[in-house]
N, C-alpha and C. Protein backbone atom coordinates (compact mmCIF):
# COMPACT_ATOMS: atom_id res chain seq x y z
N UNK A 1 100.13 45.88 -12.28
CA UNK A 1 100.90 44.34 -12.47
C UNK A 1 102.08 44.55 -13.93
N UNK A 2 103.13 44.49 -14.27
CA UNK A 2 103.86 44.32 -15.33
C UNK A 2 104.26 42.98 -15.48
N UNK A 3 103.72 42.50 -16.59
CA UNK A 3 104.62 41.13 -17.11
C UNK A 3 105.82 41.24 -17.65
N UNK A 4 106.60 40.35 -17.18
CA UNK A 4 107.65 39.90 -18.09
C UNK A 4 107.89 39.74 -19.42
N UNK A 5 108.39 40.26 -20.07
CA UNK A 5 108.66 40.25 -21.39
C UNK A 5 108.99 38.77 -21.62
N UNK A 6 108.07 37.80 -22.35
CA UNK A 6 108.71 36.44 -22.43
C UNK A 6 110.13 36.43 -23.45
N UNK A 7 110.74 35.52 -22.99
CA UNK A 7 111.84 35.17 -23.65
C UNK A 7 111.98 33.95 -24.44
N UNK A 8 112.33 34.15 -25.72
CA UNK A 8 112.07 33.08 -27.23
C UNK A 8 113.27 32.89 -28.27
N UNK A 9 113.17 31.49 -27.69
CA UNK A 9 114.25 30.67 -29.14
C UNK A 9 113.91 30.53 -30.33
N UNK A 10 114.62 31.32 -30.93
CA UNK A 10 114.16 31.30 -32.62
C UNK A 10 114.94 30.13 -33.48
N UNK A 11 114.42 29.08 -33.33
CA UNK A 11 115.04 27.67 -34.03
C UNK A 11 115.27 28.07 -35.37
N UNK A 12 116.12 26.82 -35.78
CA UNK A 12 116.95 27.14 -37.43
C UNK A 12 115.38 26.91 -38.16
N UNK A 13 114.24 26.33 -37.91
CA UNK A 13 113.22 26.06 -38.97
C UNK A 13 112.66 27.54 -39.48
N UNK A 14 112.49 28.30 -38.64
CA UNK A 14 111.91 29.82 -38.42
C UNK A 14 112.44 30.49 -39.74
N UNK A 15 113.97 30.53 -39.80
CA UNK A 15 115.14 31.36 -40.83
C UNK A 15 114.29 30.70 -42.41
N UNK A 16 113.94 29.63 -42.21
CA UNK A 16 113.50 29.22 -43.43
C UNK A 16 112.07 29.45 -44.07
N UNK A 17 111.09 29.28 -42.85
CA UNK A 17 109.75 29.27 -42.86
C UNK A 17 109.88 30.94 -43.43
N UNK A 18 110.46 31.64 -42.91
CA UNK A 18 110.55 33.14 -43.07
C UNK A 18 110.43 33.54 -44.72
N UNK A 19 111.47 32.94 -45.40
CA UNK A 19 111.47 33.16 -46.68
C UNK A 19 111.01 32.21 -47.88
N UNK A 20 110.09 31.17 -47.08
CA UNK A 20 109.40 30.45 -48.08
C UNK A 20 107.84 30.84 -48.34
N UNK A 21 107.64 31.46 -49.15
CA UNK A 21 106.16 31.95 -49.50
C UNK A 21 105.25 30.58 -49.56
N UNK A 22 105.30 29.86 -50.00
CA UNK A 22 104.49 28.78 -50.23
C UNK A 22 104.35 27.36 -49.25
N UNK A 23 104.89 27.92 -47.80
CA UNK A 23 104.90 27.31 -46.92
C UNK A 23 103.28 27.47 -45.95
N UNK A 24 102.71 26.49 -45.51
CA UNK A 24 101.45 27.05 -44.53
C UNK A 24 101.65 28.10 -43.82
N UNK A 25 103.06 28.10 -42.97
CA UNK A 25 103.16 28.89 -41.74
C UNK A 25 104.11 29.73 -42.03
N UNK A 26 104.50 30.63 -43.37
CA UNK A 26 105.12 31.42 -43.81
C UNK A 26 104.66 32.63 -42.97
N UNK A 27 103.21 32.80 -43.19
CA UNK A 27 102.77 34.43 -42.84
C UNK A 27 102.66 34.78 -41.07
N UNK A 28 102.53 33.62 -40.68
CA UNK A 28 102.87 33.22 -39.33
C UNK A 28 104.32 33.64 -38.35
N UNK A 29 104.84 32.77 -39.38
CA UNK A 29 106.63 33.20 -38.90
C UNK A 29 106.64 34.42 -39.05
N UNK A 30 106.67 35.06 -40.41
CA UNK A 30 107.01 36.82 -40.60
C UNK A 30 106.05 38.09 -39.38
N UNK A 31 104.63 36.94 -38.77
CA UNK A 31 104.04 37.88 -37.83
C UNK A 31 105.15 37.48 -36.95
N UNK A 32 105.70 36.46 -36.52
CA UNK A 32 106.26 36.11 -35.06
C UNK A 32 107.58 37.10 -35.42
N UNK A 33 108.36 37.45 -36.44
CA UNK A 33 109.21 38.47 -36.19
C UNK A 33 109.07 39.63 -36.17
N UNK A 34 107.80 39.90 -37.08
CA UNK A 34 107.63 41.16 -36.42
C UNK A 34 106.88 41.71 -35.12
N UNK A 35 106.48 40.75 -34.57
CA UNK A 35 106.19 41.08 -33.07
C UNK A 35 107.53 40.92 -32.29
N UNK A 36 108.44 40.32 -32.66
CA UNK A 36 109.85 40.50 -31.91
C UNK A 36 110.19 42.01 -32.25
N UNK A 37 110.18 42.67 -33.42
CA UNK A 37 110.47 44.02 -33.76
C UNK A 37 109.29 44.83 -32.84
N UNK A 38 108.33 44.55 -32.79
CA UNK A 38 107.65 45.27 -32.05
C UNK A 38 107.98 45.23 -30.10
N UNK A 39 108.79 44.69 -30.08
CA UNK A 39 109.24 44.40 -28.58
C UNK A 39 108.23 43.56 -27.94
N UNK A 40 107.63 42.71 -28.58
CA UNK A 40 106.89 41.59 -27.47
C UNK A 40 107.46 40.33 -26.96
N UNK A 41 108.53 40.15 -27.45
CA UNK A 41 109.32 39.11 -27.17
C UNK A 41 110.92 39.68 -27.28
N UNK A 42 111.76 39.06 -26.01
CA UNK A 42 112.98 39.22 -26.15
C UNK A 42 113.51 37.77 -27.01
N UNK A 43 114.15 38.11 -27.71
CA UNK A 43 114.74 36.74 -29.15
C UNK A 43 115.82 36.34 -28.96
N UNK A 44 116.34 35.17 -28.83
CA UNK A 44 117.59 34.35 -28.93
C UNK A 44 117.73 33.46 -29.78
N UNK A 45 118.22 32.94 -30.19
CA UNK A 45 118.79 31.63 -31.28
C UNK A 45 120.25 31.52 -30.55
N UNK A 46 121.24 30.68 -31.34
CA UNK A 46 122.14 29.76 -30.85
C UNK A 46 123.27 30.00 -32.23
N UNK A 47 124.37 30.03 -31.57
CA UNK A 47 125.87 29.83 -32.92
C UNK A 47 125.37 28.45 -33.31
N UNK A 48 124.66 27.24 -32.59
CA UNK A 48 124.32 26.22 -33.50
C UNK A 48 123.40 26.60 -34.59
N UNK A 49 122.31 27.63 -34.10
CA UNK A 49 121.52 27.84 -35.18
C UNK A 49 122.37 28.88 -36.64
N UNK A 50 123.51 29.22 -35.84
CA UNK A 50 123.75 30.04 -37.22
C UNK A 50 124.80 29.46 -37.90
N UNK A 51 125.13 28.56 -37.34
CA UNK A 51 126.29 27.17 -37.83
C UNK A 51 125.43 26.43 -38.91
N UNK A 52 124.33 26.12 -38.59
CA UNK A 52 123.02 25.29 -39.62
C UNK A 52 122.80 26.29 -40.74
N UNK A 53 122.29 27.48 -40.39
CA UNK A 53 121.90 28.29 -41.75
C UNK A 53 123.10 28.91 -42.35
N UNK A 54 124.60 28.75 -41.93
CA UNK A 54 125.68 28.65 -42.86
C UNK A 54 125.94 27.44 -43.73
N UNK A 55 124.71 26.74 -43.77
CA UNK A 55 125.02 25.44 -44.44
C UNK A 55 124.49 25.43 -45.86
N UNK A 56 123.18 26.53 -45.90
CA UNK A 56 122.56 26.81 -46.80
C UNK A 56 123.07 27.43 -48.42
N UNK A 57 122.46 27.57 -49.30
CA UNK A 57 123.03 28.41 -50.48
C UNK A 57 123.39 29.09 -49.85
N UNK A 58 124.75 30.17 -50.57
CA UNK A 58 125.09 31.78 -50.35
C UNK A 58 123.85 32.77 -50.16
N UNK A 59 123.15 32.40 -51.19
CA UNK A 59 121.99 34.08 -51.78
C UNK A 59 120.74 33.85 -49.96
N UNK A 60 120.64 32.58 -49.67
CA UNK A 60 119.54 32.20 -48.82
C UNK A 60 120.23 32.22 -47.46
N UNK A 61 121.65 31.96 -47.63
CA UNK A 61 122.26 32.32 -45.90
C UNK A 61 122.68 33.42 -45.51
N UNK A 62 123.08 34.53 -46.68
CA UNK A 62 122.76 35.91 -46.52
C UNK A 62 121.84 36.45 -45.78
N UNK A 63 120.66 36.05 -46.31
CA UNK A 63 119.35 36.52 -46.17
C UNK A 63 118.70 36.17 -44.64
N UNK A 64 118.79 34.83 -44.75
CA UNK A 64 118.20 34.32 -43.47
C UNK A 64 119.72 34.63 -42.08
N UNK A 65 120.47 35.22 -42.41
CA UNK A 65 121.41 35.49 -41.55
C UNK A 65 121.42 36.91 -41.01
N UNK A 66 120.81 37.49 -42.20
CA UNK A 66 120.57 39.14 -42.07
C UNK A 66 119.58 38.91 -41.02
N UNK A 67 118.65 38.70 -40.85
CA UNK A 67 117.41 38.53 -39.84
C UNK A 67 117.79 38.58 -38.63
N UNK A 68 119.13 37.73 -38.33
CA UNK A 68 119.31 38.20 -37.18
C UNK A 68 119.34 39.34 -36.59
N UNK A 69 120.20 40.11 -37.51
CA UNK A 69 120.75 41.55 -36.91
C UNK A 69 119.43 42.25 -37.05
N UNK A 70 118.51 41.95 -38.42
CA UNK A 70 117.26 42.97 -38.95
C UNK A 70 116.53 43.03 -37.34
N UNK A 71 116.23 41.80 -36.55
CA UNK A 71 115.31 41.31 -35.76
C UNK A 71 115.74 41.48 -34.00
N UNK A 72 117.42 42.09 -33.94
CA UNK A 72 118.16 42.12 -32.82
C UNK A 72 117.86 41.15 -32.31
N UNK A 73 118.29 39.86 -32.79
CA UNK A 73 118.02 38.11 -32.13
C UNK A 73 119.50 37.95 -31.64
N UNK A 74 119.52 37.66 -30.38
CA UNK A 74 121.29 37.76 -29.88
C UNK A 74 120.66 36.19 -29.73
N UNK A 75 122.42 36.07 -30.30
CA UNK A 75 122.95 34.38 -30.37
C UNK A 75 123.67 33.93 -28.74
N UNK A 76 122.65 32.84 -28.36
CA UNK A 76 123.61 32.44 -27.34
C UNK A 76 124.43 31.42 -27.49
N UNK A 77 125.41 31.23 -26.89
CA UNK A 77 126.64 30.23 -26.78
C UNK A 77 126.65 28.51 -26.26
N UNK A 78 126.84 27.52 -27.07
CA UNK A 78 126.49 26.43 -26.70
C UNK A 78 127.93 26.12 -25.87
N UNK A 79 127.53 26.20 -24.66
CA UNK A 79 128.71 26.11 -23.87
C UNK A 79 128.54 24.35 -23.18
N UNK A 80 129.18 23.97 -22.44
CA UNK A 80 129.51 22.69 -21.55
C UNK A 80 128.07 22.44 -20.96
N UNK A 81 127.80 23.31 -20.17
CA UNK A 81 126.25 22.56 -19.80
C UNK A 81 125.35 22.21 -20.84
N UNK A 82 125.28 22.96 -21.97
CA UNK A 82 124.52 22.93 -22.90
C UNK A 82 124.56 21.37 -23.11
N UNK A 83 126.04 21.40 -23.75
CA UNK A 83 126.28 19.94 -24.42
C UNK A 83 125.71 18.81 -23.15
N UNK A 84 126.26 19.03 -22.06
CA UNK A 84 125.93 17.97 -20.89
C UNK A 84 124.12 18.13 -21.05
N UNK A 85 123.37 18.71 -20.92
CA UNK A 85 122.42 18.32 -20.75
C UNK A 85 121.37 17.96 -22.53
N UNK A 86 122.10 18.35 -23.66
CA UNK A 86 121.70 17.82 -24.68
C UNK A 86 121.71 16.27 -24.93
N UNK A 87 123.20 15.67 -24.12
CA UNK A 87 123.67 14.60 -24.24
C UNK A 87 122.39 13.81 -23.00
N UNK A 88 121.82 14.34 -22.35
CA UNK A 88 121.11 13.97 -21.61
C UNK A 88 119.57 13.56 -22.20
N UNK A 89 119.24 14.49 -22.89
CA UNK A 89 117.79 13.95 -23.62
C UNK A 89 118.11 13.28 -24.92
N UNK A 90 119.34 13.31 -24.98
CA UNK A 90 120.00 11.66 -26.11
C UNK A 90 119.93 10.66 -25.46
N UNK A 91 120.55 10.45 -24.22
CA UNK A 91 120.52 9.33 -23.32
C UNK A 91 118.88 8.71 -23.08
N UNK A 92 118.12 9.82 -22.81
CA UNK A 92 116.54 9.62 -22.28
C UNK A 92 115.65 9.12 -23.23
N UNK A 93 116.15 8.86 -24.55
CA UNK A 93 115.38 9.14 -25.91
C UNK A 93 114.55 10.14 -26.07
N UNK A 94 114.98 11.40 -26.01
CA UNK A 94 114.07 12.20 -26.48
C UNK A 94 114.29 12.76 -27.54
N UNK A 95 115.68 12.91 -28.03
CA UNK A 95 115.96 13.06 -29.56
C UNK A 95 116.79 11.85 -29.78
N UNK A 96 116.58 11.34 -31.00
CA UNK A 96 117.97 10.52 -31.48
C UNK A 96 119.44 11.15 -31.29
N UNK A 97 120.28 10.35 -31.21
CA UNK A 97 121.52 10.50 -31.57
C UNK A 97 121.77 11.28 -32.89
N UNK A 98 121.16 10.75 -33.93
CA UNK A 98 121.50 11.44 -34.82
C UNK A 98 120.79 13.27 -35.26
N UNK A 99 119.97 13.05 -34.18
CA UNK A 99 119.65 14.33 -34.27
C UNK A 99 119.80 15.57 -33.06
N UNK A 100 120.99 15.31 -32.34
CA UNK A 100 121.32 15.78 -31.19
C UNK A 100 121.07 17.28 -31.38
N UNK A 101 121.52 17.67 -32.68
CA UNK A 101 121.57 19.09 -32.81
C UNK A 101 120.20 19.57 -32.21
N UNK A 102 118.93 19.04 -32.13
CA UNK A 102 117.80 19.37 -31.79
C UNK A 102 117.97 19.44 -30.31
N UNK A 103 118.66 18.36 -29.89
CA UNK A 103 118.69 18.46 -28.25
C UNK A 103 119.57 19.51 -28.03
N UNK A 104 120.46 20.04 -28.50
CA UNK A 104 120.91 21.20 -28.28
C UNK A 104 119.91 22.67 -28.28
N UNK A 105 119.43 22.79 -29.37
CA UNK A 105 118.36 23.75 -29.06
C UNK A 105 117.58 24.01 -27.86
N UNK A 106 117.70 22.33 -27.36
CA UNK A 106 116.32 22.43 -26.37
C UNK A 106 117.08 22.79 -25.26
N UNK A 107 118.36 22.30 -25.12
CA UNK A 107 119.37 22.70 -23.84
C UNK A 107 120.05 23.91 -23.61
N UNK A 108 120.49 24.45 -24.99
CA UNK A 108 120.33 26.09 -24.87
C UNK A 108 119.17 26.54 -24.62
N UNK A 109 117.86 26.75 -24.93
CA UNK A 109 117.03 27.62 -24.49
C UNK A 109 117.20 27.45 -23.00
N UNK A 110 117.06 26.21 -22.25
CA UNK A 110 116.61 25.72 -21.25
C UNK A 110 117.61 25.96 -20.48
N UNK A 111 119.22 26.19 -20.29
CA UNK A 111 120.24 26.34 -19.35
C UNK A 111 120.07 28.02 -19.44
N UNK A 112 119.23 28.66 -20.26
CA UNK A 112 119.50 30.52 -20.76
C UNK A 112 118.20 30.70 -19.43
N UNK A 113 117.28 29.76 -19.16
CA UNK A 113 116.09 30.33 -18.72
C UNK A 113 115.03 31.03 -19.72
N UNK A 114 114.94 30.36 -20.58
CA UNK A 114 114.31 31.05 -22.08
C UNK A 114 112.89 30.45 -21.77
N UNK A 115 111.62 31.09 -21.92
CA UNK A 115 110.46 30.60 -22.10
C UNK A 115 109.83 29.51 -23.20
N UNK A 116 110.44 30.01 -24.07
CA UNK A 116 109.67 29.14 -25.49
C UNK A 116 110.92 28.75 -26.12
N UNK A 117 110.47 27.92 -26.93
CA UNK A 117 111.24 27.52 -28.11
C UNK A 117 110.13 27.46 -28.86
N UNK A 118 110.30 28.05 -30.25
CA UNK A 118 109.76 28.25 -31.22
C UNK A 118 110.51 27.73 -32.72
N UNK A 119 109.59 26.81 -33.38
CA UNK A 119 109.99 25.73 -33.91
C UNK A 119 109.11 25.18 -34.90
N UNK A 120 109.56 25.18 -36.06
CA UNK A 120 108.21 24.24 -37.15
C UNK A 120 108.73 22.98 -37.46
N UNK A 121 109.49 22.26 -36.55
CA UNK A 121 110.04 21.11 -36.58
C UNK A 121 109.24 19.89 -35.89
N UNK A 122 108.32 19.53 -36.45
CA UNK A 122 107.28 18.65 -35.68
C UNK A 122 107.98 17.41 -35.51
N UNK A 123 109.12 16.76 -36.17
CA UNK A 123 109.83 15.82 -36.08
C UNK A 123 110.07 15.51 -34.86
N UNK A 124 110.73 15.83 -34.73
CA UNK A 124 111.49 15.92 -33.24
C UNK A 124 111.25 16.45 -32.16
N UNK A 125 111.05 18.09 -32.23
CA UNK A 125 110.80 19.08 -31.46
C UNK A 125 109.75 19.49 -30.83
N UNK A 126 108.33 19.92 -32.01
CA UNK A 126 107.20 20.21 -31.46
C UNK A 126 106.08 19.20 -31.49
N UNK A 127 106.17 18.63 -30.31
CA UNK A 127 105.75 17.58 -29.90
C UNK A 127 105.55 17.31 -28.74
N UNK A 128 103.95 16.57 -28.20
CA UNK A 128 103.21 16.35 -26.82
C UNK A 128 104.65 15.81 -26.17
N UNK A 129 105.14 14.62 -26.42
CA UNK A 129 106.00 13.81 -26.03
C UNK A 129 107.10 14.32 -25.83
N UNK A 130 107.83 15.14 -26.71
CA UNK A 130 109.16 15.60 -26.19
C UNK A 130 109.07 16.86 -25.55
N UNK A 131 107.77 17.96 -25.31
CA UNK A 131 108.02 18.56 -24.54
C UNK A 131 107.75 17.87 -22.95
N UNK A 132 106.60 16.77 -22.59
CA UNK A 132 106.70 16.42 -21.70
C UNK A 132 107.68 15.62 -21.24
N UNK A 133 109.39 15.13 -21.88
CA UNK A 133 109.85 14.17 -21.71
C UNK A 133 110.97 15.15 -21.10
N UNK A 134 110.76 16.62 -21.94
CA UNK A 134 111.82 17.87 -21.37
C UNK A 134 111.60 17.86 -20.32
N UNK A 135 110.45 18.50 -19.78
CA UNK A 135 110.02 18.84 -18.65
C UNK A 135 110.32 17.82 -17.19
N UNK A 136 110.18 16.79 -18.00
CA UNK A 136 110.87 15.78 -16.76
C UNK A 136 112.19 15.76 -16.35
N UNK A 137 112.88 15.87 -17.57
CA UNK A 137 114.41 15.64 -17.44
C UNK A 137 115.05 17.30 -17.14
N UNK A 138 114.37 18.09 -17.00
CA UNK A 138 114.54 19.78 -16.97
C UNK A 138 114.37 19.33 -15.14
N UNK A 139 113.35 19.27 -14.91
CA UNK A 139 112.68 19.71 -13.64
C UNK A 139 113.76 18.42 -12.94
N UNK A 140 114.20 17.54 -13.18
CA UNK A 140 115.31 16.36 -12.36
C UNK A 140 116.38 17.21 -12.41
N UNK A 141 116.93 18.16 -13.09
CA UNK A 141 118.45 18.34 -13.48
C UNK A 141 118.31 19.84 -12.87
N UNK A 142 117.11 20.55 -12.21
CA UNK A 142 117.14 21.33 -11.26
C UNK A 142 116.54 22.56 -12.60
N UNK A 143 116.18 22.63 -13.57
CA UNK A 143 115.78 23.50 -14.54
C UNK A 143 114.38 24.09 -14.87
N UNK A 144 113.70 24.68 -14.94
CA UNK A 144 112.68 25.03 -15.69
C UNK A 144 112.11 24.52 -16.72
N UNK A 145 110.80 23.84 -16.55
CA UNK A 145 110.33 23.52 -18.01
C UNK A 145 110.30 24.75 -19.12
N UNK A 146 109.89 24.15 -20.16
CA UNK A 146 109.94 25.20 -21.58
C UNK A 146 109.14 24.29 -22.21
N UNK A 147 108.55 25.68 -23.00
CA UNK A 147 107.26 25.20 -23.52
C UNK A 147 108.20 25.05 -24.93
N UNK A 148 107.69 24.20 -26.07
CA UNK A 148 108.06 23.83 -27.15
C UNK A 148 106.89 24.17 -28.03
N UNK A 149 106.94 25.16 -29.10
CA UNK A 149 105.93 25.46 -30.04
C UNK A 149 106.15 26.09 -30.90
N UNK A 150 104.88 26.10 -31.93
CA UNK A 150 105.25 26.49 -33.35
C UNK A 150 104.69 28.05 -33.30
N UNK A 151 105.09 29.05 -34.47
CA UNK A 151 105.07 30.43 -34.36
C UNK A 151 103.08 30.56 -34.06
N UNK A 152 102.61 29.62 -34.92
CA UNK A 152 101.31 29.79 -35.00
C UNK A 152 100.41 29.80 -33.75
N UNK A 153 100.84 29.06 -32.27
CA UNK A 153 100.52 29.06 -31.10
C UNK A 153 100.90 30.10 -30.34
N UNK A 154 101.68 31.04 -31.07
CA UNK A 154 102.27 32.40 -30.12
C UNK A 154 101.89 33.72 -30.50
N UNK A 155 101.61 33.85 -32.04
CA UNK A 155 101.31 35.05 -32.70
C UNK A 155 99.98 35.59 -32.32
N UNK A 156 99.78 36.84 -32.24
CA UNK A 156 98.39 36.96 -31.96
C UNK A 156 97.83 36.80 -33.41
N UNK A 157 96.58 36.77 -33.33
CA UNK A 157 94.96 36.78 -34.40
C UNK A 157 95.39 38.29 -35.31
N UNK A 158 95.42 38.15 -36.12
CA UNK A 158 95.56 39.50 -36.83
C UNK A 158 94.23 40.60 -36.92
N UNK A 159 93.41 39.51 -36.45
CA UNK A 159 91.70 40.16 -36.34
C UNK A 159 91.46 40.46 -34.72
N UNK A 160 92.39 40.14 -34.10
CA UNK A 160 92.46 40.32 -32.53
C UNK A 160 92.32 41.97 -32.40
């Protein structure tokens, strides 16, 4: 039996953690990118993430954006369907209006039928409540549920 390669959404925070060697999750984030390179996942991000990365200081911006090409991460577009779904997440209180961009990340991954959103944003994304509410909204709107997890939950243990 051949398993389908999981489709993952690489959220903005991972590009930061990749270069921030002092962060606890740095090693797991780098390991995730290595697993992407090894073909374990089909990796995506979005033009919303690319716009967020473009706001970084020039040196860090170039390094973070280079990861998209280096690891062949496909950029998905924020289309009208994703915009409407993100507004639904805001209206349902899943993400605060001020952080609608987090809703955009979830919506882009959802409308493109991805399996996981990988993030280090524990404030609005990687939370049981967020995932449960997104699940409910997605099912009510005809979409599949999506897992919202950190790199630590998906990378293989080095000792395995």
